[in-house]
Amino acid sequence: MTPRSAPAIRLLIGAATALGPGKVALLEAIGRTGSISAAARELGMSYRRAWLLVDTINDRFTAELVSTATGGKGGGGARLTATGIEVLRRYRAMEAKAQASIAPDLAEFADFMKDGPTIPASSEEE
């Protein structure tokens, strides 16, 4: 099995992508850094792109996943809400179940693939 042999879970709810690897990475980076700007830098994306993704994420769920505070003298920031933390926990749990479930098949499937450069995970989000 190659190092990149892992399922990438993208949750589609209706016609829209609710959550996928890129948005999850952004949410986790916001959780670590407390900032959309710092999370964007960490992931190599523009602040505008990160902000648009956060806006889209918050719009697609019944409760905000990211709470923001306007900058100023005390500084701004962003944090994951309780819902955001729970959504990430459930996403990672589903991802682990999927990995465990298909690991044998994935190993066999990898045998059909040529050795070569690993294709990086998509940095473009849903």
N, C-alpha and C. Protein backbone atom coordinates (compact mmCIF):
# COMPACT_ATOMS: atom_id res chain seq x y z
N MET A 1 0.85 -1.17 0.00
CA MET A 1 0.00 0.00 0.00
C MET A 1 0.90 1.24 0.00
N THR A 2 0.57 2.25 -0.80
CA THR A 2 1.36 3.47 -0.87
C THR A 2 1.01 4.37 0.31
N PRO A 3 1.89 5.34 0.62
CA PRO A 3 1.62 6.23 1.74
C PRO A 3 0.31 7.01 1.59
N ARG A 4 -0.13 7.25 0.36
CA ARG A 4 -1.34 8.05 0.13
C ARG A 4 -2.57 7.16 -0.05
N SER A 5 -2.48 5.90 0.31
CA SER A 5 -3.62 4.99 0.17
C SER A 5 -4.56 5.16 1.35
N ALA A 6 -5.42 6.13 1.23
CA ALA A 6 -6.40 6.40 2.28
C ALA A 6 -7.63 7.00 1.64
N PRO A 7 -8.79 6.66 2.17
CA PRO A 7 -10.00 7.26 1.61
C PRO A 7 -10.07 8.75 1.95
N ALA A 8 -10.56 9.52 1.03
CA ALA A 8 -10.82 10.93 1.28
C ALA A 8 -12.33 11.07 1.37
N ILE A 9 -12.81 11.40 2.52
CA ILE A 9 -14.25 11.48 2.75
C ILE A 9 -14.75 12.88 2.39
N ARG A 10 -15.70 12.93 1.50
CA ARG A 10 -16.35 14.18 1.13
C ARG A 10 -17.85 13.96 1.35
N LEU A 11 -18.42 14.68 2.29
CA LEU A 11 -19.82 14.50 2.64
C LEU A 11 -20.70 15.40 1.78
N LEU A 12 -21.55 14.77 1.01
CA LEU A 12 -22.48 15.50 0.16
C LEU A 12 -23.87 15.42 0.78
N ILE A 13 -24.43 16.55 1.06
CA ILE A 13 -25.78 16.62 1.62
C ILE A 13 -26.62 17.38 0.59
N GLY A 14 -27.51 16.68 -0.07
CA GLY A 14 -28.24 17.30 -1.17
C GLY A 14 -27.27 17.54 -2.32
N ALA A 15 -27.37 18.69 -2.94
CA ALA A 15 -26.51 19.01 -4.08
C ALA A 15 -25.19 19.66 -3.64
N ALA A 16 -25.07 20.00 -2.39
CA ALA A 16 -23.89 20.73 -1.92
C ALA A 16 -22.96 19.84 -1.11
N THR A 17 -21.68 20.14 -1.21
CA THR A 17 -20.70 19.46 -0.36
C THR A 17 -20.75 20.12 1.00
N ALA A 18 -21.09 19.35 2.00
CA ALA A 18 -21.14 19.89 3.36
C ALA A 18 -19.74 20.02 3.93
N LEU A 19 -18.93 18.98 3.72
CA LEU A 19 -17.61 18.97 4.33
C LEU A 19 -16.72 17.99 3.59
N GLY A 20 -15.47 18.38 3.41
CA GLY A 20 -14.49 17.51 2.78
C GLY A 20 -13.12 17.78 3.38
N PRO A 21 -12.09 17.14 2.86
CA PRO A 21 -10.75 17.24 3.44
C PRO A 21 -10.22 18.67 3.56
N GLY A 22 -10.46 19.50 2.57
CA GLY A 22 -9.94 20.87 2.61
C GLY A 22 -10.60 21.71 3.68
N LYS A 23 -11.91 21.61 3.78
CA LYS A 23 -12.63 22.38 4.79
C LYS A 23 -12.29 21.87 6.19
N VAL A 24 -12.13 20.58 6.32
CA VAL A 24 -11.75 20.01 7.62
C VAL A 24 -10.36 20.51 8.02
N ALA A 25 -9.42 20.53 7.08
CA ALA A 25 -8.07 21.04 7.37
C ALA A 25 -8.14 22.50 7.81
N LEU A 26 -8.98 23.29 7.15
CA LEU A 26 -9.13 24.69 7.52
C LEU A 26 -9.72 24.82 8.93
N LEU A 27 -10.76 24.07 9.22
CA LEU A 27 -11.36 24.12 10.56
C LEU A 27 -10.35 23.72 11.63
N GLU A 28 -9.59 22.67 11.37
CA GLU A 28 -8.59 22.24 12.35
C GLU A 28 -7.50 23.30 12.53
N ALA A 29 -7.10 23.95 11.45
CA ALA A 29 -6.08 25.00 11.54
C ALA A 29 -6.62 26.20 12.32
N ILE A 30 -7.87 26.54 12.11
CA ILE A 30 -8.48 27.63 12.89
C ILE A 30 -8.52 27.25 14.37
N GLY A 31 -8.85 26.01 14.65
CA GLY A 31 -8.85 25.54 16.03
C GLY A 31 -7.48 25.65 16.69
N ARG A 32 -6.43 25.35 15.91
CA ARG A 32 -5.06 25.43 16.44
C ARG A 32 -4.58 26.86 16.61
N THR A 33 -4.88 27.71 15.62
CA THR A 33 -4.29 29.04 15.58
C THR A 33 -5.16 30.14 16.18
N GLY A 34 -6.47 29.91 16.24
CA GLY A 34 -7.37 30.95 16.73
C GLY A 34 -7.53 32.11 15.77
N SER A 35 -7.22 31.85 14.49
CA SER A 35 -7.23 32.93 13.50
C SER A 35 -7.46 32.38 12.11
N ILE A 36 -8.36 33.02 11.36
CA ILE A 36 -8.56 32.61 9.96
C ILE A 36 -7.32 32.95 9.14
N SER A 37 -6.74 34.11 9.41
CA SER A 37 -5.54 34.53 8.68
C SER A 37 -4.38 33.57 8.92
N ALA A 38 -4.13 33.22 10.16
CA ALA A 38 -3.03 32.30 10.48
C ALA A 38 -3.31 30.91 9.92
N ALA A 39 -4.56 30.49 9.96
CA ALA A 39 -4.93 29.19 9.39
C ALA A 39 -4.68 29.18 7.89
N ALA A 40 -5.05 30.27 7.22
CA ALA A 40 -4.83 30.38 5.78
C ALA A 40 -3.34 30.30 5.46
N ARG A 41 -2.52 31.03 6.20
CA ARG A 41 -1.07 30.99 5.97
C ARG A 41 -0.54 29.57 6.17
N GLU A 42 -0.98 28.92 7.23
CA GLU A 42 -0.53 27.55 7.53
C GLU A 42 -0.86 26.60 6.38
N LEU A 43 -2.00 26.82 5.74
CA LEU A 43 -2.45 25.93 4.67
C LEU A 43 -2.04 26.41 3.28
N GLY A 44 -1.38 27.56 3.20
CA GLY A 44 -0.93 28.08 1.91
C GLY A 44 -2.07 28.58 1.03
N MET A 45 -3.10 29.13 1.65
CA MET A 45 -4.20 29.68 0.86
C MET A 45 -4.37 31.15 1.20
N SER A 46 -5.03 31.87 0.34
CA SER A 46 -5.25 33.29 0.59
C SER A 46 -6.24 33.47 1.74
N TYR A 47 -6.12 34.61 2.40
CA TYR A 47 -7.05 34.93 3.48
C TYR A 47 -8.46 35.00 2.91
N ARG A 48 -8.61 35.60 1.73
CA ARG A 48 -9.94 35.72 1.11
C ARG A 48 -10.56 34.34 0.88
N ARG A 49 -9.77 33.41 0.36
CA ARG A 49 -10.27 32.05 0.10
C ARG A 49 -10.70 31.39 1.42
N ALA A 50 -9.88 31.53 2.44
CA ALA A 50 -10.20 30.94 3.75
C ALA A 50 -11.49 31.55 4.31
N TRP A 51 -11.62 32.87 4.20
CA TRP A 51 -12.81 33.54 4.72
C TRP A 51 -14.04 33.08 3.97
N LEU A 52 -13.95 32.96 2.64
CA LEU A 52 -15.09 32.49 1.85
C LEU A 52 -15.48 31.07 2.24
N LEU A 53 -14.49 30.22 2.49
CA LEU A 53 -14.78 28.85 2.92
C LEU A 53 -15.46 28.83 4.28
N VAL A 54 -14.98 29.63 5.21
CA VAL A 54 -15.60 29.70 6.53
C VAL A 54 -17.04 30.18 6.40
N ASP A 55 -17.25 31.19 5.57
CA ASP A 55 -18.61 31.71 5.35
C ASP A 55 -19.51 30.62 4.77
N THR A 56 -18.99 29.86 3.81
CA THR A 56 -19.75 28.76 3.20
C THR A 56 -20.05 27.68 4.23
N ILE A 57 -19.05 27.31 5.01
CA ILE A 57 -19.23 26.29 6.05
C ILE A 57 -20.33 26.72 7.02
N ASN A 58 -20.21 27.94 7.54
CA ASN A 58 -21.21 28.42 8.50
C ASN A 58 -22.60 28.49 7.89
N ASP A 59 -22.67 28.77 6.60
CA ASP A 59 -23.96 28.88 5.92
C ASP A 59 -24.63 27.52 5.71
N ARG A 60 -23.84 26.45 5.62
CA ARG A 60 -24.39 25.13 5.30
C ARG A 60 -24.80 24.32 6.51
N PHE A 61 -24.50 24.79 7.69
CA PHE A 61 -24.87 24.07 8.91
C PHE A 61 -25.93 24.85 9.68
N THR A 62 -26.68 24.16 10.51
CA THR A 62 -27.76 24.81 11.26
C THR A 62 -27.22 25.75 12.34
N ALA A 63 -26.00 25.55 12.76
CA ALA A 63 -25.34 26.44 13.72
C ALA A 63 -23.94 26.72 13.20
N GLU A 64 -23.40 27.88 13.55
CA GLU A 64 -22.05 28.23 13.12
C GLU A 64 -21.03 27.22 13.63
N LEU A 65 -20.06 26.90 12.79
CA LEU A 65 -18.95 26.05 13.20
C LEU A 65 -17.76 26.90 13.64
N VAL A 66 -17.68 28.11 13.09
CA VAL A 66 -16.60 29.05 13.41
C VAL A 66 -17.23 30.36 13.87
N SER A 67 -16.77 30.84 15.00
CA SER A 67 -17.20 32.13 15.53
C SER A 67 -16.05 33.11 15.35
N THR A 68 -16.36 34.31 14.87
CA THR A 68 -15.30 35.30 14.63
C THR A 68 -15.53 36.53 15.49
N ALA A 69 -14.43 37.21 15.81
CA ALA A 69 -14.47 38.47 16.53
C ALA A 69 -13.72 39.49 15.69
N THR A 70 -14.30 40.68 15.54
CA THR A 70 -13.69 41.73 14.74
C THR A 70 -12.41 42.20 15.41
N GLY A 71 -11.42 42.49 14.60
CA GLY A 71 -10.14 42.99 15.10
C GLY A 71 -10.29 44.37 15.71
N GLY A 72 -9.21 44.90 16.18
CA GLY A 72 -9.23 46.21 16.81
C GLY A 72 -8.18 46.23 17.90
N LYS A 73 -8.39 47.09 18.88
CA LYS A 73 -7.42 47.24 19.96
C LYS A 73 -7.14 45.93 20.68
N GLY A 74 -8.19 45.17 20.97
CA GLY A 74 -8.03 43.88 21.65
C GLY A 74 -7.71 42.75 20.70
N GLY A 75 -7.71 43.04 19.41
CA GLY A 75 -7.44 42.00 18.42
C GLY A 75 -8.69 41.21 18.10
N GLY A 76 -8.70 40.63 16.96
CA GLY A 76 -9.82 39.81 16.53
C GLY A 76 -9.51 38.36 16.80
N GLY A 77 -10.08 37.52 16.00
CA GLY A 77 -9.78 36.11 16.14
C GLY A 77 -10.94 35.26 15.68
N ALA A 78 -10.72 33.99 15.70
CA ALA A 78 -11.74 33.03 15.31
C ALA A 78 -11.57 31.80 16.19
N ARG A 79 -12.67 31.15 16.46
CA ARG A 79 -12.60 29.92 17.25
C ARG A 79 -13.67 28.96 16.77
N LEU A 80 -13.43 27.69 16.99
CA LEU A 80 -14.44 26.70 16.69
C LEU A 80 -15.50 26.74 17.79
N THR A 81 -16.74 26.68 17.38
CA THR A 81 -17.83 26.61 18.35
C THR A 81 -17.93 25.16 18.85
N ALA A 82 -18.78 24.94 19.83
CA ALA A 82 -19.01 23.58 20.31
C ALA A 82 -19.52 22.70 19.16
N THR A 83 -20.38 23.27 18.31
CA THR A 83 -20.87 22.53 17.15
C THR A 83 -19.73 22.21 16.20
N GLY A 84 -18.85 23.17 15.98
CA GLY A 84 -17.70 22.95 15.10
C GLY A 84 -16.80 21.82 15.61
N ILE A 85 -16.56 21.81 16.90
CA ILE A 85 -15.73 20.76 17.50
C ILE A 85 -16.41 19.40 17.33
N GLU A 86 -17.72 19.36 17.56
CA GLU A 86 -18.46 18.10 17.43
C GLU A 86 -18.51 17.62 15.98
N VAL A 87 -18.70 18.53 15.04
CA VAL A 87 -18.72 18.16 13.62
C VAL A 87 -17.37 17.57 13.22
N LEU A 88 -16.27 18.19 13.65
CA LEU A 88 -14.94 17.64 13.34
C LEU A 88 -14.75 16.26 13.97
N ARG A 89 -15.19 16.10 15.21
CA ARG A 89 -15.05 14.80 15.88
C ARG A 89 -15.79 13.72 15.10
N ARG A 90 -17.01 14.03 14.69
CA ARG A 90 -17.81 13.04 13.95
C ARG A 90 -17.23 12.76 12.57
N TYR A 91 -16.74 13.79 11.90
CA TYR A 91 -16.12 13.61 10.59
C TYR A 91 -14.91 12.67 10.71
N ARG A 92 -14.03 12.94 11.68
CA ARG A 92 -12.83 12.11 11.86
C ARG A 92 -13.22 10.68 12.26
N ALA A 93 -14.29 10.51 13.02
CA ALA A 93 -14.75 9.17 13.39
C ALA A 93 -15.23 8.42 12.15
N MET A 94 -15.99 9.09 11.28
CA MET A 94 -16.45 8.46 10.04
C MET A 94 -15.28 8.11 9.14
N GLU A 95 -14.30 9.00 9.09
CA GLU A 95 -13.11 8.77 8.29
C GLU A 95 -12.35 7.53 8.78
N ALA A 96 -12.22 7.39 10.09
CA ALA A 96 -11.53 6.23 10.67
C ALA A 96 -12.29 4.94 10.38
N LYS A 97 -13.62 4.98 10.48
CA LYS A 97 -14.43 3.80 10.17
C LYS A 97 -14.29 3.41 8.70
N ALA A 98 -14.30 4.40 7.83
CA ALA A 98 -14.16 4.13 6.39
C ALA A 98 -12.79 3.52 6.11
N GLN A 99 -11.74 4.07 6.71
CA GLN A 99 -10.39 3.55 6.52
C GLN A 99 -10.31 2.09 6.97
N ALA A 100 -10.81 1.81 8.16
CA ALA A 100 -10.76 0.44 8.69
C ALA A 100 -11.57 -0.51 7.82
N SER A 101 -12.70 -0.04 7.35
CA SER A 101 -13.59 -0.88 6.56
C SER A 101 -13.00 -1.27 5.20
N ILE A 102 -12.32 -0.34 4.56
CA ILE A 102 -11.84 -0.64 3.20
C ILE A 102 -10.35 -0.92 3.11
N ALA A 103 -9.65 -0.93 4.24
CA ALA A 103 -8.19 -1.13 4.22
C ALA A 103 -7.76 -2.35 3.41
N PRO A 104 -8.35 -3.53 3.59
CA PRO A 104 -7.91 -4.68 2.79
C PRO A 104 -8.14 -4.48 1.29
N ASP A 105 -9.31 -3.95 0.93
CA ASP A 105 -9.60 -3.70 -0.48
C ASP A 105 -8.68 -2.63 -1.06
N LEU A 106 -8.38 -1.62 -0.26
CA LEU A 106 -7.51 -0.54 -0.72
C LEU A 106 -6.10 -1.06 -0.98
N ALA A 107 -5.63 -1.94 -0.13
CA ALA A 107 -4.30 -2.53 -0.33
C ALA A 107 -4.26 -3.32 -1.63
N GLU A 108 -5.30 -4.09 -1.91
CA GLU A 108 -5.36 -4.84 -3.16
C GLU A 108 -5.48 -3.91 -4.35
N PHE A 109 -6.27 -2.87 -4.23
CA PHE A 109 -6.44 -1.90 -5.31
C PHE A 109 -5.11 -1.22 -5.63
N ALA A 110 -4.34 -0.90 -4.59
CA ALA A 110 -3.05 -0.24 -4.78
C ALA A 110 -2.10 -1.08 -5.62
N ASP A 111 -2.27 -2.40 -5.60
CA ASP A 111 -1.42 -3.27 -6.42
C ASP A 111 -1.60 -3.02 -7.91
N PHE A 112 -2.72 -2.46 -8.32
CA PHE A 112 -2.97 -2.15 -9.72
C PHE A 112 -2.32 -0.83 -10.16
N MET A 113 -1.87 -0.05 -9.20
CA MET A 113 -1.33 1.27 -9.50
C MET A 113 0.17 1.19 -9.76
N LYS A 114 0.65 2.05 -10.66
CA LYS A 114 2.08 2.16 -10.92
C LYS A 114 2.73 2.91 -9.77
N ASP A 115 4.00 2.58 -9.53
CA ASP A 115 4.76 3.37 -8.58
C ASP A 115 5.08 4.70 -9.25
N GLY A 116 5.10 5.73 -8.51
CA GLY A 116 5.40 7.04 -9.08
C GLY A 116 5.19 8.11 -8.05
N PRO A 117 5.21 9.34 -8.53
CA PRO A 117 5.05 10.44 -7.58
C PRO A 117 3.68 10.38 -6.92
N THR A 118 3.67 10.68 -5.65
CA THR A 118 2.42 10.71 -4.91
C THR A 118 1.65 11.95 -5.32
N ILE A 119 0.39 11.79 -5.60
CA ILE A 119 -0.45 12.93 -5.95
C ILE A 119 -0.86 13.60 -4.65
N PRO A 120 -0.55 14.91 -4.51
CA PRO A 120 -0.91 15.58 -3.26
C PRO A 120 -2.41 15.66 -3.09
N ALA A 121 -2.83 15.70 -1.83
CA ALA A 121 -4.25 15.88 -1.54
C ALA A 121 -4.69 17.19 -2.15
N SER A 122 -5.90 17.25 -2.62
CA SER A 122 -6.42 18.44 -3.28
C SER A 122 -6.37 19.64 -2.35
N SER A 123 -5.77 20.72 -2.83
CA SER A 123 -5.78 21.95 -2.05
C SER A 123 -6.97 22.81 -2.44
N GLU A 124 -7.59 22.43 -3.57
CA GLU A 124 -8.79 23.15 -3.99
C GLU A 124 -9.96 22.51 -3.27
N GLU A 125 -10.75 23.32 -2.66
CA GLU A 125 -11.86 22.80 -1.87
C GLU A 125 -13.14 22.82 -2.66
N GLU A 126 -13.98 21.87 -2.32
CA GLU A 126 -15.30 21.66 -2.89
C GLU A 126 -15.78 22.91 -3.54
